[in-house]
Amino acid sequence: MRSFLPVNLLPLHISLSLQVFTIFAFATTGGYSGKTHFTVNCEQEVKNVEPVFNYPFRLSDHPYRIPLCNGSTPNNTFLQGDFSSSAEFFVCVGVFGFLYCTATLILYLGYQNIYRQTSRGPIIDLLLTAAFAFLWLVSSSAWGKGLTDVKYATNPEHLVDSCKNVTCKAGEYPSMGRLNASVIFGFLNLILWAGNCWFIYKETPFHKDPNPPANIEEGGAPGP
């Protein structure tokens, strides 16, 4: 996806596409905030409980209280689980991928002659792009598993098990569409960055013919 056209439009278009999908991946994760919901059913009223959670999904940092029907002050209850490592790793890969795309845009726009002056530029570009493709694979897989654990830990049907002296009923499930999209964008980035390796590879000496046919003008006219 960086096979260079005479007007140098293709590498710019691809870098912009990678940049956009990278932004979608880490932005849908990094700014997330949600809440789950269940109710405490007392004889005369129904009390709502809405535990909140957000990025980086250290769920144990978010206390909530389950009201008691006798009017006494309840103790703090905590969501269970710390899934910050996979979420922060995913966002970190996205941020560094965005910075790398920005650097390649600057390189293609202003320093194309330096990039193609030697074979070192395309080779380094190939290695870094392949490394990011691998990181997208690892981080997206880790975050996909982390998201599954977050869904279980914030499931209202699971949270009502913590009700001991009161009757609780599961309420609305937290909205996870944005986080589901982040995992999808992560694997889309894997496909895009891995596919981009082929187009960069075509610009390296590994793909070019090491022994091109001699020019007729250089070799002279063939004999009779």
C-alpha atoms as a PDB file:
ATOM      1  CA  MET A   1       0.000   0.000   0.000  1.00  0.00           C
ATOM      2  CA  ARG A   2       3.026   2.258  -0.347  1.00  0.00           C
ATOM      3  CA  SER A   3       3.944   1.415  -3.941  1.00  0.00           C
ATOM      4  CA  PHE A   4       5.112   4.813  -5.117  1.00  0.00           C
ATOM      5  CA  LEU A   5       3.266   6.532  -7.924  1.00  0.00           C
ATOM      6  CA  PRO A   6       4.934   9.312  -9.919  1.00  0.00           C
ATOM      7  CA  VAL A   7       2.871  11.881  -8.038  1.00  0.00           C
ATOM      8  CA  ASN A   8       3.507  10.141  -4.701  1.00  0.00           C
ATOM      9  CA  LEU A   9      -0.188   9.934  -3.841  1.00  0.00           C
ATOM     10  CA  LEU A  10      -0.423   6.258  -2.894  1.00  0.00           C
ATOM     11  CA  PRO A  11       1.888   6.300   0.155  1.00  0.00           C
ATOM     12  CA  LEU A  12       0.130   9.409   1.432  1.00  0.00           C
ATOM     13  CA  HIS A  13      -3.310   7.842   1.045  1.00  0.00           C
ATOM     14  CA  ILE A  14      -2.222   4.675   2.826  1.00  0.00           C
ATOM     15  CA  SER A  15      -0.539   6.508   5.697  1.00  0.00           C
ATOM     16  CA  LEU A  16      -3.674   8.613   6.133  1.00  0.00           C
ATOM     17  CA  SER A  17      -5.857   5.480   6.151  1.00  0.00           C
ATOM     18  CA  LEU A  18      -3.638   3.800   8.733  1.00  0.00           C
ATOM     19  CA  GLN A  19      -3.664   6.952  10.817  1.00  0.00           C
ATOM     20  CA  VAL A  20      -7.473   7.183  10.782  1.00  0.00           C
ATOM     21  CA  PHE A  21      -8.020   3.537  11.745  1.00  0.00           C
ATOM     22  CA  THR A  22      -5.357   3.816  14.438  1.00  0.00           C
ATOM     23  CA  ILE A  23      -7.106   6.843  15.950  1.00  0.00           C
ATOM     24  CA  PHE A  24     -10.437   4.989  15.957  1.00  0.00           C
ATOM     25  CA  ALA A  25      -8.836   2.016  17.731  1.00  0.00           C
ATOM     26  CA  PHE A  26      -7.315   3.829  20.702  1.00  0.00           C
ATOM     27  CA  ALA A  27      -9.914   6.614  20.943  1.00  0.00           C
ATOM     28  CA  THR A  28     -12.821   4.176  21.352  1.00  0.00           C
ATOM     29  CA  THR A  29     -10.971   2.563  24.264  1.00  0.00           C
ATOM     30  CA  GLY A  30      -9.183   5.425  26.003  1.00  0.00           C
ATOM     31  CA  GLY A  31     -12.168   7.687  26.556  1.00  0.00           C
ATOM     32  CA  TYR A  32     -14.674   5.058  27.612  1.00  0.00           C
ATOM     33  CA  SER A  33     -16.869   5.445  30.688  1.00  0.00           C
ATOM     34  CA  GLY A  34     -19.852   3.267  31.493  1.00  0.00           C
ATOM     35  CA  LYS A  35     -22.095   1.988  34.238  1.00  0.00           C
ATOM     36  CA  THR A  36     -23.989  -1.131  35.087  1.00  0.00           C
ATOM     37  CA  HIS A  37     -27.303  -1.314  36.920  1.00  0.00           C
ATOM     38  CA  PHE A  38     -29.328  -3.416  39.294  1.00  0.00           C
ATOM     39  CA  THR A  39     -32.093  -2.733  41.817  1.00  0.00           C
ATOM     40  CA  VAL A  40     -32.627  -3.460  45.500  1.00  0.00           C
ATOM     41  CA  ASN A  41     -36.239  -4.441  46.165  1.00  0.00           C
ATOM     42  CA  CYS A  42     -37.481  -3.384  49.578  1.00  0.00           C
ATOM     43  CA  GLU A  43     -41.056  -3.760  50.742  1.00  0.00           C
ATOM     44  CA  GLN A  44     -42.101  -0.169  50.060  1.00  0.00           C
ATOM     45  CA  GLU A  45     -39.644   1.001  47.390  1.00  0.00           C
ATOM     46  CA  VAL A  46     -37.173  -0.054  44.750  1.00  0.00           C
ATOM     47  CA  LYS A  47     -33.680   1.423  45.054  1.00  0.00           C
ATOM     48  CA  ASN A  48     -31.342   1.734  42.093  1.00  0.00           C
ATOM     49  CA  VAL A  49     -27.657   0.841  42.243  1.00  0.00           C
ATOM     50  CA  GLU A  50     -25.434   2.030  39.369  1.00  0.00           C
ATOM     51  CA  PRO A  51     -21.763   1.071  39.728  1.00  0.00           C
ATOM     52  CA  VAL A  52     -19.574   3.071  37.317  1.00  0.00           C
ATOM     53  CA  PHE A  53     -16.348   2.058  35.628  1.00  0.00           C
ATOM     54  CA  ASN A  54     -14.053   3.549  33.006  1.00  0.00           C
ATOM     55  CA  TYR A  55     -10.701   3.291  31.272  1.00  0.00           C
ATOM     56  CA  PRO A  56      -8.197   1.846  32.221  1.00  0.00           C
ATOM     57  CA  PHE A  57     -10.642  -0.643  33.786  1.00  0.00           C
ATOM     58  CA  ARG A  58      -9.188  -1.012  37.247  1.00  0.00           C
ATOM     59  CA  LEU A  59     -12.610  -2.056  38.443  1.00  0.00           C
ATOM     60  CA  SER A  60     -11.594  -2.386  42.080  1.00  0.00           C
ATOM     61  CA  ASP A  61     -11.023   1.395  42.158  1.00  0.00           C
ATOM     62  CA  HIS A  62     -14.765   2.049  41.828  1.00  0.00           C
ATOM     63  CA  PRO A  63     -16.720   1.485  45.069  1.00  0.00           C
ATOM     64  CA  TYR A  64     -20.487   1.474  45.273  1.00  0.00           C
ATOM     65  CA  ARG A  65     -23.024   0.866  48.008  1.00  0.00           C
ATOM     66  CA  ILE A  66     -25.896  -1.583  48.146  1.00  0.00           C
ATOM     67  CA  PRO A  67     -28.724   0.097  50.092  1.00  0.00           C
ATOM     68  CA  LEU A  68     -30.150  -1.762  53.094  1.00  0.00           C
ATOM     69  CA  CYS A  69     -33.887  -1.887  53.565  1.00  0.00           C
ATOM     70  CA  ASN A  70     -33.617  -1.262  57.316  1.00  0.00           C
ATOM     71  CA  GLY A  71     -32.146   2.204  56.681  1.00  0.00           C
ATOM     72  CA  SER A  72     -28.716   1.491  58.168  1.00  0.00           C
ATOM     73  CA  THR A  73     -25.580   2.742  56.427  1.00  0.00           C
ATOM     74  CA  PRO A  74     -24.228   0.139  53.987  1.00  0.00           C
ATOM     75  CA  ASN A  75     -20.561  -0.681  53.541  1.00  0.00           C
ATOM     76  CA  ASN A  76     -18.678  -0.032  50.316  1.00  0.00           C
ATOM     77  CA  THR A  77     -18.724  -2.792  47.744  1.00  0.00           C
ATOM     78  CA  PHE A  78     -16.221  -2.950  44.890  1.00  0.00           C
ATOM     79  CA  LEU A  79     -16.302  -4.199  41.352  1.00  0.00           C
ATOM     80  CA  GLN A  80     -13.850  -7.048  40.957  1.00  0.00           C
ATOM     81  CA  GLY A  81     -10.910  -7.231  38.561  1.00  0.00           C
ATOM     82  CA  ASP A  82      -8.033  -5.208  37.131  1.00  0.00           C
ATOM     83  CA  PHE A  83      -7.863  -5.284  33.343  1.00  0.00           C
ATOM     84  CA  SER A  84      -5.742  -2.177  32.912  1.00  0.00           C
ATOM     85  CA  SER A  85      -2.687  -3.966  31.508  1.00  0.00           C
ATOM     86  CA  SER A  86      -4.375  -5.187  28.309  1.00  0.00           C
ATOM     87  CA  ALA A  87      -6.350  -1.956  27.834  1.00  0.00           C
ATOM     88  CA  GLU A  88      -3.309   0.304  28.336  1.00  0.00           C
ATOM     89  CA  PHE A  89      -1.153  -1.898  26.089  1.00  0.00           C
ATOM     90  CA  PHE A  90      -3.757  -1.646  23.323  1.00  0.00           C
ATOM     91  CA  VAL A  91      -3.992   2.133  23.655  1.00  0.00           C
ATOM     92  CA  CYS A  92      -0.200   2.452  23.793  1.00  0.00           C
ATOM     93  CA  VAL A  93       0.189   0.541  20.518  1.00  0.00           C
ATOM     94  CA  GLY A  94      -2.433   2.790  18.972  1.00  0.00           C
ATOM     95  CA  VAL A  95      -0.758   6.005  20.114  1.00  0.00           C
ATOM     96  CA  PHE A  96       2.678   4.945  18.895  1.00  0.00           C
ATOM     97  CA  GLY A  97       1.158   3.726  15.625  1.00  0.00           C
ATOM     98  CA  PHE A  98      -0.443   7.149  15.172  1.00  0.00           C
ATOM     99  CA  LEU A  99       2.907   8.858  15.798  1.00  0.00           C
ATOM    100  CA  TYR A 100       4.634   6.575  13.312  1.00  0.00           C
ATOM    101  CA  CYS A 101       2.006   7.294  10.656  1.00  0.00           C
ATOM    102  CA  THR A 102       2.507  11.024  11.256  1.00  0.00           C
ATOM    103  CA  ALA A 103       6.266  10.611  10.838  1.00  0.00           C
ATOM    104  CA  THR A 104       5.836   8.701   7.562  1.00  0.00           C
ATOM    105  CA  LEU A 105       3.501  11.396   6.239  1.00  0.00           C
ATOM    106  CA  ILE A 106       6.157  14.025   6.923  1.00  0.00           C
ATOM    107  CA  LEU A 107       8.767  11.785   5.329  1.00  0.00           C
ATOM    108  CA  TYR A 108       6.750  11.170   2.158  1.00  0.00           C
ATOM    109  CA  LEU A 109       5.730  14.810   1.808  1.00  0.00           C
ATOM    110  CA  GLY A 110       9.027  16.547   2.447  1.00  0.00           C
ATOM    111  CA  TYR A 111      11.858  14.024   2.320  1.00  0.00           C
ATOM    112  CA  GLN A 112      10.910  11.559  -0.402  1.00  0.00           C
ATOM    113  CA  ASN A 113      14.286  11.956  -2.103  1.00  0.00           C
ATOM    114  CA  ILE A 114      16.103  11.046   1.116  1.00  0.00           C
ATOM    115  CA  TYR A 115      13.809   8.060   1.693  1.00  0.00           C
ATOM    116  CA  ARG A 116      14.585   6.606  -1.752  1.00  0.00           C
ATOM    117  CA  GLN A 117      18.211   7.678  -1.918  1.00  0.00           C
ATOM    118  CA  THR A 118      19.393   4.385  -0.414  1.00  0.00           C
ATOM    119  CA  SER A 119      17.809   1.045   0.386  1.00  0.00           C
ATOM    120  CA  ARG A 120      18.064   1.723   4.114  1.00  0.00           C
ATOM    121  CA  GLY A 121      14.870   3.800   4.282  1.00  0.00           C
ATOM    122  CA  PRO A 122      12.481   1.179   2.796  1.00  0.00           C
ATOM    123  CA  ILE A 123      14.114  -1.610   4.834  1.00  0.00           C
ATOM    124  CA  ILE A 124      13.676   0.266   8.113  1.00  0.00           C
ATOM    125  CA  ASP A 125      10.119   1.155   7.097  1.00  0.00           C
ATOM    126  CA  LEU A 126       9.405  -2.517   6.380  1.00  0.00           C
ATOM    127  CA  LEU A 127      10.796  -3.694   9.721  1.00  0.00           C
ATOM    128  CA  LEU A 128       8.868  -1.091  11.726  1.00  0.00           C
ATOM    129  CA  THR A 129       5.611  -1.750   9.858  1.00  0.00           C
ATOM    130  CA  ALA A 130       5.981  -5.509  10.402  1.00  0.00           C
ATOM    131  CA  ALA A 131       6.664  -4.859  14.098  1.00  0.00           C
ATOM    132  CA  PHE A 132       3.493  -2.781  14.398  1.00  0.00           C
ATOM    133  CA  ALA A 133       1.475  -5.487  12.621  1.00  0.00           C
ATOM    134  CA  PHE A 134       2.710  -7.992  15.214  1.00  0.00           C
ATOM    135  CA  LEU A 135       1.935  -5.575  18.059  1.00  0.00           C
ATOM    136  CA  TRP A 136      -1.590  -5.076  16.730  1.00  0.00           C
ATOM    137  CA  LEU A 137      -2.066  -8.852  16.732  1.00  0.00           C
ATOM    138  CA  VAL A 138      -0.867  -9.231  20.318  1.00  0.00           C
ATOM    139  CA  SER A 139      -2.581  -6.141  21.736  1.00  0.00           C
ATOM    140  CA  SER A 140      -5.920  -6.769  19.990  1.00  0.00           C
ATOM    141  CA  SER A 141      -5.983 -10.375  21.177  1.00  0.00           C
ATOM    142  CA  ALA A 142      -5.099  -9.348  24.733  1.00  0.00           C
ATOM    143  CA  TRP A 143      -7.665  -6.550  24.787  1.00  0.00           C
ATOM    144  CA  GLY A 144     -10.329  -8.828  23.287  1.00  0.00           C
ATOM    145  CA  LYS A 145      -9.798 -11.239  26.196  1.00  0.00           C
ATOM    146  CA  GLY A 146      -9.700  -8.326  28.651  1.00  0.00           C
ATOM    147  CA  LEU A 147     -12.977  -6.972  27.296  1.00  0.00           C
ATOM    148  CA  THR A 148     -14.616 -10.363  27.757  1.00  0.00           C
ATOM    149  CA  ASP A 149     -13.528 -10.298  31.406  1.00  0.00           C
ATOM    150  CA  VAL A 150     -14.786  -6.723  31.829  1.00  0.00           C
ATOM    151  CA  LYS A 151     -18.189  -7.755  30.483  1.00  0.00           C
ATOM    152  CA  TYR A 152     -18.390 -10.613  32.974  1.00  0.00           C
ATOM    153  CA  ALA A 153     -17.244  -8.488  35.915  1.00  0.00           C
ATOM    154  CA  THR A 154     -19.846  -5.780  35.169  1.00  0.00           C
ATOM    155  CA  ASN A 155     -22.706  -8.127  34.272  1.00  0.00           C
ATOM    156  CA  PRO A 156     -25.695  -7.184  36.484  1.00  0.00           C
ATOM    157  CA  GLU A 157     -26.631 -10.846  36.872  1.00  0.00           C
ATOM    158  CA  HIS A 158     -23.185 -11.470  38.315  1.00  0.00           C
ATOM    159  CA  LEU A 159     -23.283  -8.399  40.578  1.00  0.00           C
ATOM    160  CA  VAL A 160     -26.563  -9.343  42.270  1.00  0.00           C
ATOM    161  CA  ASP A 161     -24.737 -12.329  43.801  1.00  0.00           C
ATOM    162  CA  SER A 162     -23.059  -9.830  46.137  1.00  0.00           C
ATOM    163  CA  CYS A 163     -26.432  -8.948  47.696  1.00  0.00           C
ATOM    164  CA  LYS A 164     -26.617 -10.733  51.056  1.00  0.00           C
ATOM    165  CA  ASN A 165     -29.301  -9.259  53.294  1.00  0.00           C
ATOM    166  CA  VAL A 166     -31.495  -7.740  50.573  1.00  0.00           C
ATOM    167  CA  THR A 167     -33.261  -8.890  47.430  1.00  0.00           C
ATOM    168  CA  CYS A 168     -31.620  -7.661  44.250  1.00  0.00           C
ATOM    169  CA  LYS A 169     -32.713  -7.833  40.650  1.00  0.00           C
ATOM    170  CA  ALA A 170     -30.477  -7.437  37.596  1.00  0.00           C
ATOM    171  CA  GLY A 171     -31.120  -4.283  35.589  1.00  0.00           C
ATOM    172  CA  GLU A 172     -29.745  -2.853  32.364  1.00  0.00           C
ATOM    173  CA  TYR A 173     -26.499  -4.159  30.950  1.00  0.00           C
ATOM    174  CA  PRO A 174     -23.695  -1.631  30.397  1.00  0.00           C
ATOM    175  CA  SER A 175     -23.325  -0.320  26.864  1.00  0.00           C
ATOM    176  CA  MET A 176     -20.317  -2.064  25.330  1.00  0.00           C
ATOM    177  CA  GLY A 177     -20.771  -1.158  21.653  1.00  0.00           C
ATOM    178  CA  ARG A 178     -17.896   1.306  21.716  1.00  0.00           C
ATOM    179  CA  LEU A 179     -15.522  -1.216  23.265  1.00  0.00           C
ATOM    180  CA  ASN A 180     -16.612  -3.913  20.811  1.00  0.00           C
ATOM    181  CA  ALA A 181     -15.769  -1.479  18.020  1.00  0.00           C
ATOM    182  CA  SER A 182     -12.307  -0.908  19.500  1.00  0.00           C
ATOM    183  CA  VAL A 183     -11.479  -4.621  19.214  1.00  0.00           C
ATOM    184  CA  ILE A 184     -12.764  -4.679  15.635  1.00  0.00           C
ATOM    185  CA  PHE A 185     -10.622  -1.656  14.762  1.00  0.00           C
ATOM    186  CA  GLY A 186      -7.653  -3.379  16.391  1.00  0.00           C
ATOM    187  CA  PHE A 187      -7.899  -6.396  14.108  1.00  0.00           C
ATOM    188  CA  LEU A 188      -8.600  -4.166  11.088  1.00  0.00           C
ATOM    189  CA  ASN A 189      -5.343  -2.394  11.883  1.00  0.00           C
ATOM    190  CA  LEU A 190      -3.618  -5.776  11.991  1.00  0.00           C
ATOM    191  CA  ILE A 191      -4.860  -6.531   8.461  1.00  0.00           C
ATOM    192  CA  LEU A 192      -3.967  -3.067   7.132  1.00  0.00           C
ATOM    193  CA  TRP A 193      -0.481  -2.941   8.637  1.00  0.00           C
ATOM    194  CA  ALA A 194       0.298  -6.533   7.597  1.00  0.00           C
ATOM    195  CA  GLY A 195      -0.915  -5.849   4.049  1.00  0.00           C
ATOM    196  CA  ASN A 196       1.141  -2.681   3.955  1.00  0.00           C
ATOM    197  CA  CYS A 197       4.271  -4.784   4.485  1.00  0.00           C
ATOM    198  CA  TRP A 198       3.913  -6.209   0.977  1.00  0.00           C
ATOM    199  CA  PHE A 199       3.876  -2.818  -0.697  1.00  0.00           C
ATOM    200  CA  ILE A 200       6.865  -1.631   1.307  1.00  0.00           C
ATOM    201  CA  TYR A 201       8.657  -4.899   0.527  1.00  0.00           C
ATOM    202  CA  LYS A 202       8.316  -4.123  -3.188  1.00  0.00           C
ATOM    203  CA  GLU A 203      10.414  -0.984  -2.604  1.00  0.00           C
ATOM    204  CA  THR A 204      13.271  -2.875  -0.944  1.00  0.00           C
ATOM    205  CA  PRO A 205      16.251  -4.529  -2.659  1.00  0.00           C
ATOM    206  CA  PHE A 206      14.895  -7.932  -1.592  1.00  0.00           C
ATOM    207  CA  HIS A 207      12.131  -7.679  -4.194  1.00  0.00           C
ATOM    208  CA  LYS A 208      14.050  -6.039  -7.021  1.00  0.00           C
ATOM    209  CA  ASP A 209      15.928  -8.093  -9.618  1.00  0.00           C
ATOM    210  CA  PRO A 210      19.605  -8.052  -8.560  1.00  0.00           C
ATOM    211  CA  ASN A 211      20.748  -8.660 -12.170  1.00  0.00           C
ATOM    212  CA  PRO A 212      18.624  -6.493 -14.492  1.00  0.00           C
ATOM    213  CA  PRO A 213      19.072  -7.083 -18.235  1.00  0.00           C
ATOM    214  CA  ALA A 214      21.796  -4.987 -19.803  1.00  0.00           C
ATOM    215  CA  ASN A 215      20.711  -1.965 -21.836  1.00  0.00           C
ATOM    216  CA  ILE A 216      21.155  -2.390 -25.557  1.00  0.00           C
ATOM    217  CA  GLU A 217      22.788   1.022 -25.782  1.00  0.00           C
ATOM    218  CA  GLU A 218      25.321   0.058 -23.108  1.00  0.00           C
ATOM    219  CA  GLY A 219      26.124  -3.298 -24.682  1.00  0.00           C
ATOM    220  CA  GLY A 220      26.228  -1.980 -28.245  1.00  0.00           C
ATOM    221  CA  ALA A 221      24.308  -3.186 -31.255  1.00  0.00           C
ATOM    222  CA  PRO A 222      24.221  -6.956 -31.749  1.00  0.00           C
ATOM    223  CA  GLY A 223      26.504  -8.344 -34.422  1.00  0.00           C
ATOM    224  CA  PRO A 224      25.256  -9.743 -37.729  1.00  0.00           C
END
